[in-house]
Amino acid sequence: MTAPPPATGPGALRLLVVEDENFTRAELADLLADLPGVGDVQEADSGEAAVRRIGTESFDAVFLDISMPGLDGMEVARVLSVLSEPPAIVFVTASERHAVEAFGIGAADYLLKPVRPERLAEAVGRVRALRRPVTGHPEPPADELSVVQIETGRHTVFVRRDDVQFAEAHGDYVRLHTEGDTHLIRLSLSYLEEVWGPAGFVRAHRGYLVAVRWIRDLRVTGSAGLLACTPAGDVPVSRRHARALKERLLAAVRDDPRAGGR
């Protein structure tokens, strides 16, 4: 199948991929070029080459490796931060250990290698949102399940979504766990994931959703494997969902440096 032509026009993003490994750089550039709304994708094989190009050309975003010989990605980012109109920075790296520092210097996103196409598309969406001019349009209305109404006999309990730390599947029901209580509601976990996903709830296991903002840390145990620890209890994390959960935790650091260490 023939690849679609690059997007053109004033809204098309112009991107620079900075990576010293030839294959990785070319692969990332190809993936970016295939995404909707992406126009020209250029490449640089070192930090020094990137700084030279950005000094003479204009880019909307730089997809930047951290570990490179010579000028590394963090040093490049610091150089870019002093520009009057710096491009957005998306770090693409094999290590999680630089995440706090990366978001501290204003990174738009932080991707782990090998990069999954859906995460790359999400990062481009973040860049597009950063470059979009402010229009004054109102924020979209809050979703209908920001407060959950639960009937218990003669009583009605109202549970705020923001107080729910994790949700656990129970057949046709879901048990919502807050710090001091649990509540059973007749919903499917899949539906709850769909409507609460934008609010920071992530699938940790086929039977569990967890609110990223409530995760204190991730812990490996001999008996239960990987656990996401919240004040309301520990949530099992399956191997299938571990990577996506870690990436969401890293992204949460960007939005709130206190996240994950509450």
Protein backbone atom coordinates (compact mmCIF):
# COMPACT_ATOMS: atom_id res chain seq x y z
CA MET A 1 0.00 0.00 0.00
CA THR A 2 1.35 3.43 -0.91
CA ALA A 3 2.04 5.75 2.02
CA PRO A 4 -0.09 8.91 2.13
CA PRO A 5 1.62 12.13 1.01
CA PRO A 6 2.79 14.43 3.81
CA ALA A 7 0.31 16.99 5.04
CA THR A 8 0.71 20.51 3.70
CA GLY A 9 -0.61 23.91 4.65
CA PRO A 10 -0.17 26.25 7.59
CA GLY A 11 -1.38 23.68 10.12
CA ALA A 12 1.00 20.87 9.12
CA LEU A 13 3.65 20.18 11.75
CA ARG A 14 7.33 20.43 10.88
CA LEU A 15 9.34 18.00 13.02
CA LEU A 16 13.00 17.17 13.67
CA VAL A 17 14.13 13.70 14.79
CA VAL A 18 17.43 13.71 16.69
CA GLU A 19 18.93 10.22 17.13
CA ASP A 20 22.48 8.91 16.66
CA GLU A 21 21.40 5.37 15.64
CA ASN A 22 20.62 5.39 11.91
CA PHE A 23 17.96 2.66 11.86
CA THR A 24 16.12 4.00 14.91
CA ARG A 25 16.18 7.55 13.53
CA ALA A 26 14.85 6.52 10.12
CA GLU A 27 12.14 4.32 11.64
CA LEU A 28 10.93 7.08 13.95
CA ALA A 29 10.92 9.60 11.09
CA ASP A 30 8.84 7.24 8.94
CA LEU A 31 6.32 6.65 11.73
CA LEU A 32 5.95 10.38 12.30
CA ALA A 33 5.56 11.12 8.59
CA ASP A 34 2.61 8.70 8.40
CA LEU A 35 0.64 10.48 11.13
CA PRO A 36 -2.21 12.84 10.20
CA GLY A 37 -1.32 16.51 10.37
CA VAL A 38 2.43 15.93 10.12
CA GLY A 39 4.17 17.67 7.23
CA ASP A 40 7.94 17.82 6.84
CA VAL A 41 10.05 15.48 9.01
CA GLN A 42 13.79 16.18 9.09
CA GLU A 43 16.59 14.22 10.77
CA ALA A 44 19.77 15.02 12.71
CA ASP A 45 22.30 12.39 13.81
CA SER A 46 23.73 14.27 16.82
CA GLY A 47 22.99 16.96 19.35
CA GLU A 48 25.42 19.33 17.67
CA ALA A 49 23.76 18.84 14.28
CA ALA A 50 20.36 19.45 15.84
CA VAL A 51 21.44 22.75 17.41
CA ARG A 52 22.88 23.92 14.09
CA ARG A 53 19.67 23.10 12.22
CA ILE A 54 17.39 24.68 14.80
CA GLY A 55 19.53 27.80 14.69
CA THR A 56 18.72 28.30 11.00
CA GLU A 57 15.37 26.51 10.51
CA SER A 58 12.00 26.55 12.22
CA PHE A 59 10.45 23.38 13.71
CA ASP A 60 7.26 22.82 15.67
CA ALA A 61 8.78 20.00 17.71
CA VAL A 62 11.99 18.06 18.24
CA PHE A 63 11.83 14.31 18.96
CA LEU A 64 15.02 13.97 20.94
CA ASP A 65 17.07 11.00 22.11
CA ILE A 66 18.78 11.53 25.47
CA SER A 67 21.80 9.22 25.39
CA MET A 68 23.99 10.45 22.52
CA PRO A 69 27.75 10.98 22.22
CA GLY A 70 28.87 14.58 22.43
CA LEU A 71 25.98 16.92 23.19
CA ASP A 72 23.31 14.72 24.78
CA GLY A 73 19.56 15.25 24.67
CA MET A 74 19.29 17.05 27.99
CA GLU A 75 21.98 19.52 26.95
CA VAL A 76 20.23 20.12 23.63
CA ALA A 77 16.96 20.76 25.46
CA ARG A 78 18.61 23.34 27.71
CA VAL A 79 20.02 25.13 24.65
CA LEU A 80 16.57 25.19 23.04
CA SER A 81 14.91 26.48 26.22
CA VAL A 82 16.65 29.87 25.88
CA LEU A 83 15.26 30.52 22.38
CA SER A 84 12.56 33.17 22.06
CA GLU A 85 10.22 30.68 20.34
CA PRO A 86 11.56 27.20 21.13
CA PRO A 87 10.09 24.08 19.50
CA ALA A 88 8.21 21.62 21.67
CA ILE A 89 10.45 18.83 22.98
CA VAL A 90 9.48 15.16 23.03
CA PHE A 91 12.12 12.90 24.56
CA VAL A 92 12.47 9.41 23.07
CA THR A 93 14.66 7.22 25.24
CA ALA A 94 15.20 3.70 26.57
CA SER A 95 15.38 4.79 30.22
CA GLU A 96 12.77 6.06 32.66
CA ARG A 97 15.31 7.71 34.97
CA HIS A 98 15.39 11.11 33.28
CA ALA A 99 11.62 11.68 33.33
CA VAL A 100 11.45 14.08 36.27
CA GLU A 101 14.30 16.19 34.89
CA ALA A 102 12.76 16.12 31.39
CA PHE A 103 9.39 17.44 32.48
CA GLY A 104 11.14 19.89 34.78
CA ILE A 105 12.61 21.62 31.73
CA GLY A 106 9.26 21.72 29.97
CA ALA A 107 9.13 18.57 27.81
CA ALA A 108 5.83 18.01 26.01
CA ASP A 109 6.09 14.24 26.38
CA TYR A 110 8.47 11.41 27.30
CA LEU A 111 8.39 8.21 25.22
CA LEU A 112 10.07 4.91 25.98
CA LYS A 113 11.78 2.85 23.28
CA PRO A 114 10.63 0.89 21.41
CA VAL A 115 7.98 3.52 20.70
CA ARG A 116 4.45 2.25 20.23
CA PRO A 117 2.57 3.95 17.34
CA GLU A 118 -0.37 4.92 19.56
CA ARG A 119 1.94 6.67 22.05
CA LEU A 120 3.69 8.46 19.21
CA ALA A 121 0.33 9.67 17.91
CA GLU A 122 -0.56 10.86 21.42
CA ALA A 123 2.72 12.80 21.64
CA VAL A 124 2.05 14.48 18.28
CA GLY A 125 -1.40 15.39 19.59
CA ARG A 126 0.21 17.07 22.59
CA VAL A 127 2.53 19.01 20.30
CA ARG A 128 -0.39 20.10 18.14
CA ALA A 129 -2.28 21.30 21.23
CA LEU A 130 0.73 23.31 22.37
CA ARG A 131 1.14 24.97 18.97
CA ARG A 132 -2.58 25.68 18.53
CA PRO A 133 -3.46 29.36 19.07
CA VAL A 134 -5.82 30.18 21.92
CA THR A 135 -9.35 30.66 20.54
CA GLY A 136 -11.32 31.41 23.69
CA HIS A 137 -13.62 28.44 23.10
CA PRO A 138 -15.10 27.07 26.34
CA GLU A 139 -13.88 23.83 27.84
CA PRO A 140 -16.00 20.76 27.02
CA PRO A 141 -18.56 19.88 29.68
CA ALA A 142 -17.60 17.43 32.42
CA ASP A 143 -18.64 13.85 31.72
CA GLU A 144 -21.77 12.43 33.24
CA LEU A 145 -19.94 10.11 35.65
CA SER A 146 -17.85 12.72 37.45
CA VAL A 147 -20.18 11.87 40.34
CA VAL A 148 -21.56 8.35 40.67
CA GLN A 149 -24.97 7.83 42.28
CA ILE A 150 -25.29 4.52 44.12
CA GLU A 151 -28.56 3.24 45.57
CA THR A 152 -28.15 1.17 48.76
CA GLY A 153 -31.54 0.16 50.10
CA ARG A 154 -33.22 3.35 51.30
CA HIS A 155 -30.06 5.40 50.98
CA THR A 156 -28.43 7.11 48.03
CA VAL A 157 -24.66 7.56 48.13
CA PHE A 158 -22.86 10.03 45.88
CA VAL A 159 -19.24 9.12 45.11
CA ARG A 160 -16.96 11.65 43.45
CA ARG A 161 -14.81 10.20 40.67
CA ASP A 162 -11.82 12.12 41.99
CA ASP A 163 -12.10 10.25 45.30
CA VAL A 164 -11.98 6.82 43.61
CA GLN A 165 -8.47 5.38 43.73
CA PHE A 166 -9.14 2.14 41.88
CA ALA A 167 -12.00 0.07 40.52
CA GLU A 168 -12.29 -3.72 40.68
CA ALA A 169 -14.48 -5.92 38.47
CA HIS A 170 -17.07 -8.12 40.25
CA GLY A 171 -19.00 -9.98 37.57
CA ASP A 172 -21.63 -7.56 36.23
CA TYR A 173 -20.63 -5.03 38.90
CA VAL A 174 -17.65 -2.84 39.70
CA ARG A 175 -16.39 -2.15 43.21
CA LEU A 176 -15.11 1.40 43.63
CA HIS A 177 -12.38 1.84 46.22
CA THR A 178 -11.95 5.18 47.98
CA GLU A 179 -9.53 5.76 50.84
CA GLY A 180 -12.05 4.96 53.52
CA ASP A 181 -14.76 2.84 51.87
CA THR A 182 -15.86 0.68 48.94
CA HIS A 183 -19.01 0.95 46.81
CA LEU A 184 -20.59 -1.59 44.48
CA ILE A 185 -22.19 -0.29 41.28
CA ARG A 186 -23.78 -2.12 38.35
CA LEU A 187 -21.44 -1.16 35.49
CA SER A 188 -18.91 -2.98 33.37
CA LEU A 189 -15.23 -2.23 33.93
CA SER A 190 -14.81 -1.70 30.18
CA TYR A 191 -17.47 1.02 30.14
CA LEU A 192 -15.93 2.70 33.17
CA GLU A 193 -12.53 2.61 31.45
CA GLU A 194 -14.04 4.33 28.40
CA VAL A 195 -15.68 7.20 30.27
CA TRP A 196 -13.04 7.64 33.00
CA GLY A 197 -9.97 7.14 30.79
CA PRO A 198 -9.69 10.88 29.97
CA ALA A 199 -9.76 11.58 33.74
CA GLY A 200 -6.61 9.52 34.34
CA PHE A 201 -7.93 6.01 34.98
CA VAL A 202 -5.75 3.31 33.41
CA ARG A 203 -6.25 -0.42 33.02
CA ALA A 204 -3.70 -2.13 35.27
CA HIS A 205 -5.08 -5.66 34.95
CA ARG A 206 -8.03 -7.23 33.18
CA GLY A 207 -9.99 -6.87 36.43
CA TYR A 208 -8.70 -3.49 37.65
CA LEU A 209 -8.64 0.20 36.75
CA VAL A 210 -6.41 2.52 38.75
CA ALA A 211 -6.33 6.31 39.01
CA VAL A 212 -2.81 7.42 38.08
CA ARG A 213 -2.97 10.44 40.40
CA TRP A 214 -3.40 8.15 43.43
CA ILE A 215 -0.48 5.80 42.74
CA ARG A 216 2.24 6.29 45.36
CA ASP A 217 4.70 3.83 43.84
CA LEU A 218 5.09 0.58 41.92
CA ARG A 219 6.39 -2.38 43.88
CA VAL A 220 7.52 -5.86 42.87
CA THR A 221 6.68 -8.71 45.26
CA GLY A 222 7.59 -12.36 45.07
CA SER A 223 4.03 -13.62 45.41
CA ALA A 224 1.85 -11.00 43.67
CA GLY A 225 4.28 -9.66 41.08
CA LEU A 226 4.04 -5.96 40.21
CA LEU A 227 1.69 -3.86 42.34
CA ALA A 228 0.49 -0.27 42.01
CA CYS A 229 0.26 1.01 45.57
CA THR A 230 -2.51 3.47 46.51
CA PRO A 231 -3.73 4.62 49.95
CA ALA A 232 -6.86 2.52 49.39
CA GLY A 233 -4.87 -0.66 48.71
CA ASP A 234 -2.54 -2.41 46.30
CA VAL A 235 -3.61 -3.04 42.71
CA PRO A 236 -2.15 -5.95 40.71
CA VAL A 237 -0.48 -4.93 37.44
CA SER A 238 -0.34 -7.54 34.68
CA ARG A 239 2.64 -7.82 32.35
CA ARG A 240 0.35 -6.90 29.47
CA HIS A 241 -0.55 -3.54 31.02
CA ALA A 242 2.68 -2.70 32.89
CA ARG A 243 4.32 -0.70 30.13
CA ALA A 244 1.30 1.50 29.39
CA LEU A 245 0.82 2.19 33.10
CA LYS A 246 4.47 3.22 33.53
CA GLU A 247 4.21 5.57 30.56
CA ARG A 248 1.10 7.20 32.02
CA LEU A 249 2.91 7.66 35.33
CA LEU A 250 5.81 9.32 33.52
CA ALA A 251 3.41 11.60 31.67
CA ALA A 252 1.73 12.50 34.98
CA VAL A 253 5.03 13.92 36.19
CA ARG A 254 4.84 16.44 33.38
CA ASP A 255 1.39 17.58 34.37
CA ASP A 256 2.06 17.61 38.13
CA PRO A 257 5.59 17.06 39.51
CA ARG A 258 4.01 15.86 42.75
CA ALA A 259 2.06 13.04 41.03
CA GLY A 260 3.06 9.54 41.98
CA GLY A 261 4.76 10.71 45.15
CA ARG A 262 1.69 11.91 47.02
